[in-house]
N, C-alpha and C. Protein backbone atom coordinates (compact mmCIF):
# COMPACT_ATOMS: atom_id res chain seq x y z
N MET A 1 -21.30 210.74 121.47
CA MET A 1 -22.65 211.28 121.53
C MET A 1 -23.25 211.52 120.03
N SER A 2 -24.44 211.17 120.03
CA SER A 2 -25.18 211.39 118.73
C SER A 2 -25.32 212.97 118.47
N ILE A 3 -25.68 213.38 117.13
CA ILE A 3 -25.98 214.65 116.85
C ILE A 3 -27.15 215.01 117.58
N ARG A 4 -28.25 214.29 117.65
CA ARG A 4 -29.49 214.49 118.34
C ARG A 4 -29.18 214.78 119.69
N SER A 5 -28.43 214.11 120.51
CA SER A 5 -28.13 214.36 122.07
C SER A 5 -27.31 215.65 122.02
N ALA A 6 -26.49 215.90 121.02
CA ALA A 6 -25.67 217.17 121.18
C ALA A 6 -26.55 218.23 121.03
N GLY A 7 -27.56 218.18 120.23
CA GLY A 7 -28.40 219.32 119.92
C GLY A 7 -29.37 219.55 121.10
N ILE A 8 -29.81 218.50 121.70
CA ILE A 8 -30.70 218.67 122.95
C ILE A 8 -29.79 219.22 124.14
N ALA A 9 -28.59 218.74 124.15
CA ALA A 9 -27.70 219.35 125.23
C ALA A 9 -27.46 220.73 125.14
N CYS A 10 -27.18 221.21 123.95
CA CYS A 10 -26.87 222.70 123.54
C CYS A 10 -28.25 223.46 123.63
N PHE A 11 -29.47 222.90 123.33
CA PHE A 11 -30.53 223.62 123.76
C PHE A 11 -31.02 223.92 125.16
N PHE A 12 -30.72 222.74 125.93
CA PHE A 12 -30.98 223.14 127.44
C PHE A 12 -29.86 224.00 128.12
N THR A 13 -28.45 223.93 127.42
CA THR A 13 -27.50 224.84 128.01
C THR A 13 -27.96 226.39 127.53
N LEU A 14 -28.44 226.61 126.32
CA LEU A 14 -28.90 227.96 126.02
C LEU A 14 -30.10 228.21 126.85
N LEU A 15 -30.92 227.28 127.02
CA LEU A 15 -32.16 227.73 127.64
C LEU A 15 -31.70 228.08 129.37
N GLY A 16 -30.94 227.39 129.64
CA GLY A 16 -30.48 227.82 131.00
C GLY A 16 -29.62 229.14 131.12
N LEU A 17 -28.94 229.50 130.13
CA LEU A 17 -28.16 230.70 130.08
C LEU A 17 -29.23 232.03 130.11
N ILE A 18 -30.06 231.73 129.07
CA ILE A 18 -31.13 232.85 128.94
C ILE A 18 -31.93 232.82 130.04
N GLY A 19 -32.47 231.92 130.78
CA GLY A 19 -33.19 231.80 131.96
C GLY A 19 -32.44 232.61 133.20
N THR A 20 -31.18 232.49 133.22
CA THR A 20 -30.68 233.13 134.49
C THR A 20 -30.16 234.70 134.15
N SER A 21 -30.17 234.99 132.75
CA SER A 21 -29.78 236.49 132.45
C SER A 21 -30.88 237.31 132.06
N GLY A 22 -32.01 236.87 131.63
CA GLY A 22 -33.02 237.73 131.02
C GLY A 22 -34.16 238.29 132.01
N CYS A 23 -34.70 237.32 133.01
CA CYS A 23 -35.90 237.62 133.51
C CYS A 23 -35.67 238.04 135.05
N HIS A 24 -34.87 238.97 135.36
CA HIS A 24 -34.69 239.36 136.76
C HIS A 24 -35.89 240.48 137.20
N PRO A 25 -36.52 240.13 138.39
CA PRO A 25 -37.67 240.89 139.06
C PRO A 25 -37.05 242.38 138.95
N LYS A 26 -37.94 243.19 138.70
CA LYS A 26 -37.67 244.70 138.89
C LYS A 26 -37.48 245.13 140.31
N PRO A 27 -36.32 245.76 140.63
CA PRO A 27 -36.20 246.16 142.05
C PRO A 27 -37.14 247.06 142.65
N PRO A 28 -37.54 247.10 143.84
CA PRO A 28 -38.49 248.00 144.28
C PRO A 28 -37.98 249.35 144.29
N PRO A 29 -39.02 250.41 144.09
CA PRO A 29 -38.52 251.80 143.89
C PRO A 29 -37.87 252.25 145.30
N GLU A 30 -36.70 252.92 145.19
CA GLU A 30 -36.18 253.51 146.52
C GLU A 30 -36.95 254.55 146.98
N PRO A 31 -36.92 255.07 148.38
CA PRO A 31 -37.58 255.96 149.01
C PRO A 31 -37.17 257.26 148.25
N GLY A 32 -38.34 258.08 147.99
CA GLY A 32 -38.09 259.33 147.17
C GLY A 32 -38.33 259.12 145.69
N ALA A 33 -38.33 257.96 145.18
CA ALA A 33 -38.51 257.66 143.81
C ALA A 33 -40.06 257.95 143.49
N VAL A 34 -40.05 258.32 142.07
CA VAL A 34 -41.53 258.61 141.46
C VAL A 34 -42.13 257.19 141.15
N VAL A 35 -43.40 256.91 141.39
CA VAL A 35 -43.90 255.56 141.24
C VAL A 35 -44.96 255.82 140.10
N VAL A 36 -45.75 256.91 140.18
CA VAL A 36 -46.90 256.92 139.18
C VAL A 36 -46.89 258.54 138.80
N ARG A 37 -47.05 259.02 137.52
CA ARG A 37 -47.18 260.19 137.17
C ARG A 37 -48.67 260.45 136.60
N SER A 38 -49.17 261.74 136.68
CA SER A 38 -50.44 262.02 136.24
C SER A 38 -50.48 262.70 134.64
N GLU A 39 -49.17 262.69 134.21
CA GLU A 39 -49.03 263.71 132.92
C GLU A 39 -49.85 263.16 131.78
N GLN A 40 -50.30 261.93 131.64
CA GLN A 40 -50.98 261.45 130.48
C GLN A 40 -52.33 261.31 130.76
N MET A 41 -52.75 261.73 131.71
CA MET A 41 -54.23 261.83 132.31
C MET A 41 -54.92 263.00 131.88
N ASP A 42 -55.36 263.11 130.67
CA ASP A 42 -56.23 264.25 130.15
C ASP A 42 -57.61 263.77 129.73
N GLU A 43 -57.73 262.66 129.43
CA GLU A 43 -59.05 262.53 128.97
C GLU A 43 -59.82 261.71 129.81
N PRO A 44 -61.32 261.88 129.95
CA PRO A 44 -62.06 261.09 130.91
C PRO A 44 -62.03 259.46 130.67
N ARG A 45 -62.29 258.95 131.69
CA ARG A 45 -62.16 257.44 131.82
C ARG A 45 -60.72 256.98 131.73
N GLU A 46 -59.82 257.80 131.74
CA GLU A 46 -58.42 257.30 131.72
C GLU A 46 -57.87 256.88 132.97
N GLN A 47 -57.18 255.87 133.15
CA GLN A 47 -56.65 255.43 134.52
C GLN A 47 -55.03 255.33 134.28
N GLY A 48 -54.36 255.74 135.23
CA GLY A 48 -53.06 255.58 135.65
C GLY A 48 -52.69 255.00 136.77
N VAL A 49 -53.22 253.65 137.06
CA VAL A 49 -53.30 253.03 138.33
C VAL A 49 -52.54 251.77 138.29
N ILE A 50 -51.48 251.62 139.19
CA ILE A 50 -50.87 250.45 139.25
C ILE A 50 -51.01 249.83 140.73
N ASP A 51 -50.45 248.71 140.86
CA ASP A 51 -50.47 247.94 142.24
C ASP A 51 -49.16 248.39 142.92
N ALA A 52 -49.48 248.95 144.09
CA ALA A 52 -48.27 249.32 145.07
C ALA A 52 -47.10 248.28 144.82
N PRO A 53 -45.97 248.64 144.40
CA PRO A 53 -45.01 247.63 144.25
C PRO A 53 -44.38 246.95 145.58
N VAL A 54 -44.43 247.73 146.82
CA VAL A 54 -43.93 247.21 148.11
C VAL A 54 -44.81 247.79 149.15
N ASP A 55 -44.72 247.19 150.48
CA ASP A 55 -45.42 247.61 151.55
C ASP A 55 -44.79 249.07 151.89
N ALA A 56 -45.35 250.06 151.74
CA ALA A 56 -44.56 251.39 152.03
C ALA A 56 -45.59 252.49 152.37
N THR A 57 -44.96 253.70 152.60
CA THR A 57 -45.82 254.99 152.68
C THR A 57 -45.68 255.74 151.25
N TYR A 58 -46.69 256.09 150.73
CA TYR A 58 -46.63 256.82 149.53
C TYR A 58 -47.40 258.24 149.62
N ALA A 59 -46.73 259.30 149.00
CA ALA A 59 -47.26 260.57 149.13
C ALA A 59 -47.47 261.02 147.58
N CYS A 60 -48.48 262.04 147.63
CA CYS A 60 -49.01 262.49 146.27
C CYS A 60 -48.43 263.92 146.37
N TYR A 61 -47.90 264.44 145.36
CA TYR A 61 -47.23 265.64 145.27
C TYR A 61 -47.75 266.39 144.13
N LYS A 62 -47.98 267.65 143.99
CA LYS A 62 -47.94 268.55 142.93
C LYS A 62 -46.70 268.88 142.32
N ALA A 63 -46.49 268.65 141.08
CA ALA A 63 -45.25 268.75 140.50
C ALA A 63 -44.48 270.06 140.78
N GLY A 64 -43.35 270.02 141.13
CA GLY A 64 -42.58 271.06 141.54
C GLY A 64 -42.65 271.72 143.04
N VAL A 65 -43.43 271.02 143.84
CA VAL A 65 -43.77 271.39 145.21
C VAL A 65 -43.39 270.31 146.11
N ASP A 66 -42.68 270.67 147.10
CA ASP A 66 -41.95 269.68 148.07
C ASP A 66 -42.86 269.18 149.26
N GLU A 67 -43.83 269.88 149.48
CA GLU A 67 -44.68 269.27 150.55
C GLU A 67 -45.82 268.28 149.87
N PRO A 68 -46.08 267.10 150.50
CA PRO A 68 -47.11 266.24 150.07
C PRO A 68 -48.53 266.92 150.06
N LEU A 69 -49.39 266.59 148.88
CA LEU A 69 -50.98 266.84 149.36
C LEU A 69 -51.53 265.85 150.12
N GLU A 70 -51.18 264.60 149.90
CA GLU A 70 -51.66 263.37 150.66
C GLU A 70 -50.71 262.54 151.10
N THR A 71 -50.79 261.59 152.04
CA THR A 71 -49.78 260.64 152.26
C THR A 71 -50.65 259.35 152.74
N PHE A 72 -50.39 258.15 152.34
CA PHE A 72 -51.00 257.12 152.61
C PHE A 72 -50.07 255.69 152.91
N THR A 73 -50.21 254.93 153.80
CA THR A 73 -49.52 253.87 153.85
C THR A 73 -50.28 252.48 153.14
N LEU A 74 -49.60 251.96 152.24
CA LEU A 74 -50.23 250.87 151.34
C LEU A 74 -49.46 249.61 151.79
N LYS A 75 -50.15 248.46 151.42
CA LYS A 75 -49.59 247.04 151.40
C LYS A 75 -49.32 246.82 149.92
N LYS A 76 -48.28 246.07 149.57
CA LYS A 76 -47.94 245.70 148.24
C LYS A 76 -49.27 245.13 147.57
N GLY A 77 -49.47 245.68 146.54
CA GLY A 77 -50.78 245.18 145.52
C GLY A 77 -51.84 246.11 145.78
N GLU A 78 -52.00 246.94 146.71
CA GLU A 78 -53.06 248.02 146.69
C GLU A 78 -52.97 249.06 145.73
N LYS A 79 -53.87 249.42 145.11
CA LYS A 79 -54.01 250.38 144.08
C LYS A 79 -53.49 251.66 144.49
N LEU A 80 -52.63 252.22 143.32
CA LEU A 80 -52.15 253.68 143.55
C LEU A 80 -51.91 254.42 142.20
N GLY A 81 -52.35 255.60 142.09
CA GLY A 81 -52.55 256.25 140.84
C GLY A 81 -53.37 257.38 140.76
N PHE A 82 -53.75 257.58 139.45
CA PHE A 82 -54.81 258.80 139.38
C PHE A 82 -55.83 258.11 138.24
N GLU A 83 -57.03 258.93 138.08
CA GLU A 83 -58.03 258.43 137.49
C GLU A 83 -58.95 259.80 136.96
N VAL A 84 -59.33 259.94 135.72
CA VAL A 84 -59.98 261.08 135.29
C VAL A 84 -61.38 260.68 134.90
N VAL A 85 -62.47 261.21 135.47
CA VAL A 85 -63.88 260.69 135.12
C VAL A 85 -64.69 262.01 134.85
N GLN A 86 -65.85 261.77 134.34
CA GLN A 86 -66.83 262.87 134.07
C GLN A 86 -67.80 262.93 135.09
N SER A 87 -67.73 264.10 135.80
CA SER A 87 -68.63 264.35 136.71
C SER A 87 -69.97 265.03 136.36
N ASP A 88 -71.16 264.48 136.74
CA ASP A 88 -72.46 265.06 136.11
C ASP A 88 -72.74 266.19 136.98
N GLN A 89 -72.87 267.56 136.28
CA GLN A 89 -73.17 268.65 136.96
C GLN A 89 -74.72 269.17 136.83
N GLY A 90 -75.50 268.27 136.21
CA GLY A 90 -76.82 268.51 136.05
C GLY A 90 -77.15 269.06 134.65
N ARG A 91 -78.42 268.89 134.06
CA ARG A 91 -78.63 269.51 132.89
C ARG A 91 -78.00 269.12 131.82
N GLY A 92 -77.53 267.94 132.02
CA GLY A 92 -76.50 267.28 130.57
C GLY A 92 -75.08 267.85 130.71
N ARG A 93 -74.71 268.78 131.90
CA ARG A 93 -73.44 269.39 131.68
C ARG A 93 -72.55 268.42 132.54
N THR A 94 -71.40 267.98 131.96
CA THR A 94 -70.38 267.36 132.65
C THR A 94 -68.91 267.86 132.64
N VAL A 95 -68.16 267.63 133.68
CA VAL A 95 -66.91 268.25 133.72
C VAL A 95 -66.06 266.99 134.23
N PRO A 96 -64.60 267.21 133.58
CA PRO A 96 -63.75 265.99 133.99
C PRO A 96 -63.30 266.42 135.37
N VAL A 97 -63.04 265.35 136.26
CA VAL A 97 -62.49 265.38 137.65
C VAL A 97 -61.32 264.45 137.67
N LEU A 98 -60.30 264.80 138.38
CA LEU A 98 -59.21 264.12 138.42
C LEU A 98 -59.16 263.57 139.96
N TYR A 99 -59.00 262.34 140.02
CA TYR A 99 -58.89 261.68 141.44
C TYR A 99 -57.48 261.19 141.62
N GLY A 100 -57.03 261.22 142.85
CA GLY A 100 -55.77 260.50 143.42
C GLY A 100 -56.38 259.25 143.99
N ILE A 101 -55.80 258.06 143.71
CA ILE A 101 -56.24 256.95 144.29
C ILE A 101 -55.20 256.16 145.03
N ALA A 102 -55.56 255.94 146.39
CA ALA A 102 -54.54 255.19 147.06
C ALA A 102 -55.22 254.05 147.91
N GLY A 103 -55.12 253.08 147.49
CA GLY A 103 -55.92 251.70 148.22
C GLY A 103 -57.46 252.01 147.92
N LYS A 104 -58.13 252.08 149.01
CA LYS A 104 -59.77 252.27 148.90
C LYS A 104 -59.99 253.93 149.02
N ASP A 105 -58.93 254.67 149.16
CA ASP A 105 -59.28 256.06 149.17
C ASP A 105 -59.15 256.86 148.08
N ARG A 106 -59.92 257.87 147.74
CA ARG A 106 -59.99 258.77 146.48
C ARG A 106 -59.89 260.02 146.90
N PHE A 107 -59.33 260.99 146.31
CA PHE A 107 -59.36 262.40 146.65
C PHE A 107 -59.25 263.31 145.49
N VAL A 108 -60.07 264.30 145.36
CA VAL A 108 -59.96 265.27 144.11
C VAL A 108 -58.87 266.09 143.97
N LEU A 109 -58.19 266.20 142.63
CA LEU A 109 -57.08 267.13 142.47
C LEU A 109 -57.66 267.98 141.42
N PRO A 110 -57.14 269.13 141.35
CA PRO A 110 -57.44 270.13 140.53
C PRO A 110 -57.01 269.65 139.01
N ILE A 111 -57.84 269.79 138.07
CA ILE A 111 -57.33 269.48 136.57
C ILE A 111 -56.55 270.52 136.17
N GLY A 112 -55.47 270.23 135.38
CA GLY A 112 -54.60 271.12 134.63
C GLY A 112 -53.25 271.01 135.37
N ASP A 113 -53.04 270.74 136.49
CA ASP A 113 -51.80 270.53 137.33
C ASP A 113 -51.29 269.24 136.87
N LYS A 114 -49.83 269.06 137.11
CA LYS A 114 -49.42 267.62 137.00
C LYS A 114 -49.06 267.13 138.35
N TYR A 115 -49.14 265.78 138.69
CA TYR A 115 -48.97 265.19 140.17
C TYR A 115 -48.25 264.04 139.78
N VAL A 116 -47.46 263.68 140.99
CA VAL A 116 -46.89 262.43 140.95
C VAL A 116 -47.05 261.78 142.45
N TRP A 117 -47.01 260.39 142.39
CA TRP A 117 -46.92 259.45 143.55
C TRP A 117 -45.52 259.27 143.84
N LYS A 118 -44.93 259.40 145.00
CA LYS A 118 -43.51 258.93 145.32
C LYS A 118 -43.61 258.08 146.47
N ARG A 119 -42.76 257.11 146.56
CA ARG A 119 -42.56 256.20 147.87
C ARG A 119 -41.72 257.33 148.69
N LYS A 120 -42.30 257.17 150.14
CA LYS A 120 -41.48 257.94 151.12
C LYS A 120 -40.42 257.20 151.78
């Protein structure tokens, strides 16, 4: 075997080893696992929105509270998370508003508290 052939064989062997050990898909979140947090959502026009990782029921909780605020059943790929936007109060006055987002649904959450989406 020539040096060139040996080099090519070594390259493909290494490529095969790297391919099988490095890029495993992330496992879906277990029931009860936090999927999205609102903690970094302080500025208007920020979004903490992901695609739902699996078909499942997801619930929005206020941090430290066991009872969910809202619960939605989503398909994999539907939007899930939080968004802060400026709400026009008239006369040039705006205030930030935090929305929970689940698929095509949006609901207002009080600013200042922390929230999480968990898989149910």
